[in-house]
Structure formats: structure tokens, C-alpha cells
Amino acid sequence: MNTKKTSQKQPIRVTLLLFLTAMAFLVTISGCFQGKPVHRYTLTPATEAIRTAATPTSQSAPQHTELIVIGPVKLTSYLDQSRIIKRQGTTTINSAADQQWAGELSEMISNSLIAELGIQLHPVSIHAYPMSTPLTHGKRVALDILRFEGTESHTATIEARWTIFDLENRVIIASHSTLLHIPATDDSYEALITALSTGLAQLGKEIAASFP
């Protein structure tokens, strides 16, 4: 009778052992196939040296005391995603799942331009679009971002169309297209983001220079 009980337990032990072995194997291979850790980036402000050099002197600075609103900042469709874009050749777009923006790109671009125009047009009140109150006076800068990417030649490219509106008189003050190519120090994403940030500072200077 004891022999019969032992023979009945044996298949159960074998099945349990096989189950545990299979589970251990699945845990092992799942660890092997886990994705790379995701690196997230924000646009960086201009360095203090660049900001100091860019700030107009008190003798020559235009005194803009009215309201300026930045936005909307519209991204072309392939840029409207979390992944950072690198262009290969003229028609191929590459994006890595582990290299992403830390937030909405349009919002970061808007914030960078607000900071730069604040330097260039000081003193001025600058806000992001939309505002909670109706806009009846001041100026608004609307932007279409067509390119905001890296290239094979370790270069950051920014292409934008932008328009300055006079809200009170309902007229266009200026409307331009800007294409910038900013060399990056190497092929890393950190260098690309730094170059794109530098390009945004240059775009901000160009926009500021168009204000009357």
C-alpha cells in the first residue's frame, strides 16, 4: 500500500518540477528581451555667456512694454511624437524608441522661445498661447515647425514659418521662413539636443528683430 502511494506522488513531483523549471526559464528569457532603458531629453536654455551677449544694452534696447503671446506652435505630423527624429538622406526618417522627448515638443519649443524673446525684448510681458482671457491687444507670434531634427552630418536642422500679428489692429506685422543648420559637437543625442537648443535661440533672436 505504501508503494502505491509513492508511485502516485511521483508524477506530481515530476510535473511540479517541470513547471518550476519552465517558469524559471521564462523569467530568464524575459529579462534578456527587455527593451533598452528610455532616455528622455529637454531643450536646454542658452548658456549665461550667450544670454549676456544676446541681451541688448540699456542704451539700445527697444522698450517693449506690451503683451506678447507665443503660439500656437504647430508641428508637422512626423515631428508630433515623443521620439527624437534623425534624418538619413533626403527622404528617410529614423527614430529610436529609447531616445525620446521628456514632454510635448511643441510646449518645450514655446517655452524656449518665450525665454529668448524675454531676453531680447526686455522689459516685456510674454505668455504662451492660448491665454485664459480674450486677446484684444498686443502681439502674437504663430509658428509652424517643419523640421526639428538631426542629420547624418552631425548637424541639427530647424525649419520654421512664423508670423507676427498685431492683435489690436488685426494686421500682420511680419511673416518669414527660417532655415537653420547648427553643427553638433558629435553624433550623440545630447549633442543634438544642445544644437537644437542653440538653433531655437537663434530663431528667437530673428523673431525679436522683426518687432517694430
Protein backbone atom coordinates (compact mmCIF):
# COMPACT_ATOMS: atom_id res chain seq x y z
CA MET A 1 0.00 0.00 0.00
CA ASN A 2 2.85 2.41 0.75
CA THR A 3 4.40 1.54 -2.62
CA LYS A 4 1.17 2.56 -4.40
CA LYS A 5 1.03 5.96 -2.64
CA THR A 6 4.67 6.62 -3.51
CA SER A 7 4.04 5.81 -7.18
CA GLN A 8 1.07 8.22 -7.25
CA LYS A 9 3.12 11.11 -5.78
CA GLN A 10 6.00 10.65 -8.22
CA PRO A 11 4.20 12.05 -11.31
CA ILE A 12 3.00 15.02 -9.27
CA ARG A 13 6.56 15.82 -8.18
CA VAL A 14 7.83 15.48 -11.74
CA THR A 15 5.07 17.77 -13.06
CA LEU A 16 5.78 20.35 -10.36
CA LEU A 17 9.49 20.24 -11.12
CA LEU A 18 8.87 20.71 -14.82
CA PHE A 19 6.54 23.64 -14.10
CA LEU A 20 9.08 25.38 -11.87
CA THR A 21 11.83 24.82 -14.43
CA ALA A 22 9.67 26.27 -17.19
CA MET A 23 8.84 29.32 -15.09
CA ALA A 24 12.49 29.91 -14.29
CA PHE A 25 13.31 29.68 -17.98
CA LEU A 26 10.60 32.18 -18.90
CA VAL A 27 11.80 34.65 -16.28
CA THR A 28 15.35 34.34 -17.61
CA ILE A 29 14.49 34.93 -21.25
CA SER A 30 12.09 37.75 -20.43
CA GLY A 31 14.99 39.56 -18.79
CA CYS A 32 17.09 39.03 -21.89
CA PHE A 33 14.45 40.53 -24.18
CA GLN A 34 13.57 43.57 -22.09
CA GLY A 35 13.87 46.84 -24.05
CA LYS A 36 16.66 49.33 -23.56
CA PRO A 37 16.13 51.95 -20.87
CA VAL A 38 14.47 55.04 -22.29
CA HIS A 39 16.49 58.27 -22.26
CA ARG A 40 14.38 61.44 -22.13
CA TYR A 41 15.59 64.91 -23.04
CA THR A 42 14.55 68.51 -22.57
CA LEU A 43 15.65 71.52 -24.57
CA THR A 44 18.32 73.46 -22.74
CA PRO A 45 18.36 77.23 -22.27
CA ALA A 46 21.17 79.27 -23.74
CA THR A 47 24.28 79.50 -21.59
CA GLU A 48 24.82 82.56 -19.46
CA ALA A 49 27.55 83.73 -21.82
CA ILE A 50 25.22 83.55 -24.81
CA ARG A 51 22.42 85.22 -22.85
CA THR A 52 24.70 88.06 -21.72
CA ALA A 53 25.98 88.64 -25.22
CA ALA A 54 22.46 88.49 -26.64
CA THR A 55 20.87 90.89 -24.15
CA PRO A 56 20.51 94.37 -25.63
CA THR A 57 22.25 97.14 -23.73
CA SER A 58 20.19 99.68 -21.84
CA GLN A 59 21.12 102.37 -24.42
CA SER A 60 19.98 100.43 -27.49
CA ALA A 61 17.28 98.11 -26.14
CA PRO A 62 13.81 98.67 -27.61
CA GLN A 63 11.31 99.27 -24.83
CA HIS A 64 8.52 96.76 -25.50
CA THR A 65 6.09 97.00 -22.62
CA GLU A 66 3.03 95.47 -24.29
CA LEU A 67 1.78 91.90 -24.20
CA ILE A 68 3.35 89.30 -26.49
CA VAL A 69 1.85 85.84 -26.91
CA ILE A 70 3.80 82.90 -28.39
CA GLY A 71 1.73 80.31 -30.23
CA PRO A 72 0.24 78.23 -31.38
CA VAL A 73 3.38 76.25 -32.18
CA LYS A 74 2.30 73.66 -34.74
CA LEU A 75 4.49 70.66 -35.53
CA THR A 76 4.42 68.95 -38.89
CA SER A 77 2.92 65.47 -38.47
CA TYR A 78 6.11 63.38 -38.38
CA LEU A 79 7.54 65.57 -35.62
CA ASP A 80 4.45 65.30 -33.44
CA GLN A 81 5.62 62.30 -31.42
CA SER A 82 7.69 61.50 -28.34
CA ARG A 83 10.66 60.07 -30.27
CA ILE A 84 13.55 62.30 -31.34
CA ILE A 85 13.95 62.42 -35.10
CA LYS A 86 17.11 61.90 -37.13
CA ARG A 87 17.06 62.17 -40.92
CA GLN A 88 19.00 59.79 -43.13
CA GLY A 89 19.49 61.02 -46.66
CA THR A 90 16.73 63.18 -48.11
CA THR A 91 13.66 61.01 -47.60
CA THR A 92 14.31 58.58 -44.73
CA ILE A 93 13.33 59.37 -41.14
CA ASN A 94 14.79 57.40 -38.21
CA SER A 95 13.57 57.41 -34.62
CA ALA A 96 14.80 55.28 -31.73
CA ALA A 97 12.33 54.01 -29.13
CA ASP A 98 14.86 54.63 -26.34
CA GLN A 99 15.57 58.27 -27.27
CA GLN A 100 12.56 60.45 -26.50
CA TRP A 101 11.48 63.94 -25.53
CA ALA A 102 10.67 64.40 -21.86
CA GLY A 103 7.43 66.24 -22.65
CA GLU A 104 5.43 67.71 -25.51
CA LEU A 105 7.86 69.09 -28.06
CA SER A 106 5.61 71.99 -29.07
CA GLU A 107 5.39 73.11 -25.44
CA MET A 108 9.17 72.95 -24.96
CA ILE A 109 9.74 74.94 -28.15
CA SER A 110 7.23 77.56 -26.98
CA ASN A 111 8.90 77.85 -23.58
CA SER A 112 12.35 78.21 -25.14
CA LEU A 113 11.17 80.99 -27.44
CA ILE A 114 9.42 82.76 -24.57
CA ALA A 115 12.69 82.74 -22.62
CA GLU A 116 14.72 84.02 -25.59
CA LEU A 117 12.28 86.78 -26.54
CA GLY A 118 12.15 87.79 -22.90
CA ILE A 119 15.90 88.39 -23.09
CA GLN A 120 15.83 90.17 -26.42
CA LEU A 121 12.78 92.39 -25.82
CA HIS A 122 13.16 93.14 -22.11
CA PRO A 123 11.09 94.59 -20.48
CA VAL A 124 8.13 92.74 -21.93
CA SER A 125 5.29 90.51 -20.80
CA ILE A 126 5.38 87.23 -22.77
CA HIS A 127 2.93 84.36 -22.39
CA ALA A 128 2.16 81.05 -24.06
CA TYR A 129 -0.88 80.66 -26.29
CA PRO A 130 -3.73 80.15 -25.55
CA MET A 131 -4.44 82.54 -22.71
CA SER A 132 -7.42 82.33 -20.37
CA THR A 133 -8.57 85.86 -21.27
CA PRO A 134 -9.53 87.07 -24.76
CA LEU A 135 -6.68 88.71 -26.66
CA THR A 136 -7.60 92.21 -27.84
CA HIS A 137 -4.23 93.96 -27.80
CA GLY A 138 -0.53 93.26 -28.07
CA LYS A 139 1.26 90.94 -30.49
CA ARG A 140 1.04 87.21 -31.20
CA VAL A 141 3.68 85.02 -32.82
CA ALA A 142 2.36 81.90 -34.58
CA LEU A 143 4.83 79.23 -35.74
CA ASP A 144 4.78 76.18 -37.99
CA ILE A 145 7.76 73.90 -37.28
CA LEU A 146 8.57 71.97 -40.45
CA ARG A 147 11.89 70.42 -39.42
CA PHE A 148 13.39 69.88 -35.98
CA GLU A 149 15.84 67.01 -36.33
CA GLY A 150 19.37 65.71 -36.60
CA THR A 151 21.18 64.70 -39.79
CA GLU A 152 23.89 62.24 -40.78
CA SER A 153 26.45 65.05 -40.86
CA HIS A 154 26.12 65.71 -37.09
CA THR A 155 24.00 68.78 -37.75
CA ALA A 156 20.77 69.98 -36.18
CA THR A 157 18.24 71.38 -38.63
CA ILE A 158 15.38 73.72 -37.77
CA GLU A 159 12.94 74.96 -40.39
CA ALA A 160 10.07 77.20 -39.33
CA ARG A 161 7.47 79.53 -40.79
CA TRP A 162 6.44 82.27 -38.41
CA THR A 163 4.09 85.24 -38.41
CA ILE A 164 3.72 88.21 -36.06
CA PHE A 165 0.17 89.53 -35.69
CA ASP A 166 -0.92 92.89 -34.32
CA LEU A 167 -3.98 91.86 -32.32
CA GLU A 168 -5.42 95.33 -31.82
CA ASN A 169 -5.25 96.42 -35.46
CA ARG A 170 -5.70 92.88 -36.81
CA VAL A 171 -2.84 93.09 -39.27
CA ILE A 172 0.27 91.03 -40.00
CA ILE A 173 3.44 92.82 -38.95
CA ALA A 174 5.93 90.28 -40.31
CA SER A 175 5.91 86.85 -41.91
CA HIS A 176 9.08 84.88 -42.62
CA SER A 177 10.58 81.44 -43.17
CA THR A 178 13.73 80.42 -41.30
CA LEU A 179 16.08 77.53 -42.08
CA LEU A 180 18.93 76.89 -39.66
CA HIS A 181 21.73 74.30 -39.70
CA ILE A 182 23.63 74.11 -36.40
CA PRO A 183 26.71 71.86 -36.10
CA ALA A 184 26.69 69.39 -33.21
CA THR A 185 29.88 68.51 -31.40
CA ASP A 186 29.44 64.76 -32.04
CA ASP A 187 26.82 62.19 -33.07
CA SER A 188 25.29 61.75 -29.59
CA TYR A 189 21.73 62.71 -28.75
CA GLU A 190 22.99 65.05 -26.02
CA ALA A 191 24.96 67.00 -28.62
CA LEU A 192 21.96 67.05 -30.96
CA ILE A 193 19.66 68.46 -28.27
CA THR A 194 22.23 71.14 -27.40
CA ALA A 195 22.49 72.13 -31.07
CA LEU A 196 18.70 72.27 -31.45
CA SER A 197 18.50 74.46 -28.35
CA THR A 198 21.12 76.79 -29.83
CA GLY A 199 19.12 76.95 -33.03
CA LEU A 200 15.97 77.91 -31.13
CA ALA A 201 17.88 80.76 -29.50
CA GLN A 202 18.90 81.96 -32.98
CA LEU A 203 15.28 81.70 -34.15
CA GLY A 204 14.17 83.73 -31.14
CA LYS A 205 16.69 86.47 -31.99
CA GLU A 206 15.42 86.58 -35.58
CA ILE A 207 11.81 86.89 -34.44
CA ALA A 208 12.69 89.57 -31.88
CA ALA A 209 14.47 91.63 -34.52
CA SER A 210 11.23 91.78 -36.54
CA PHE A 211 9.28 93.56 -33.83
CA PRO A 212 8.78 97.28 -34.54
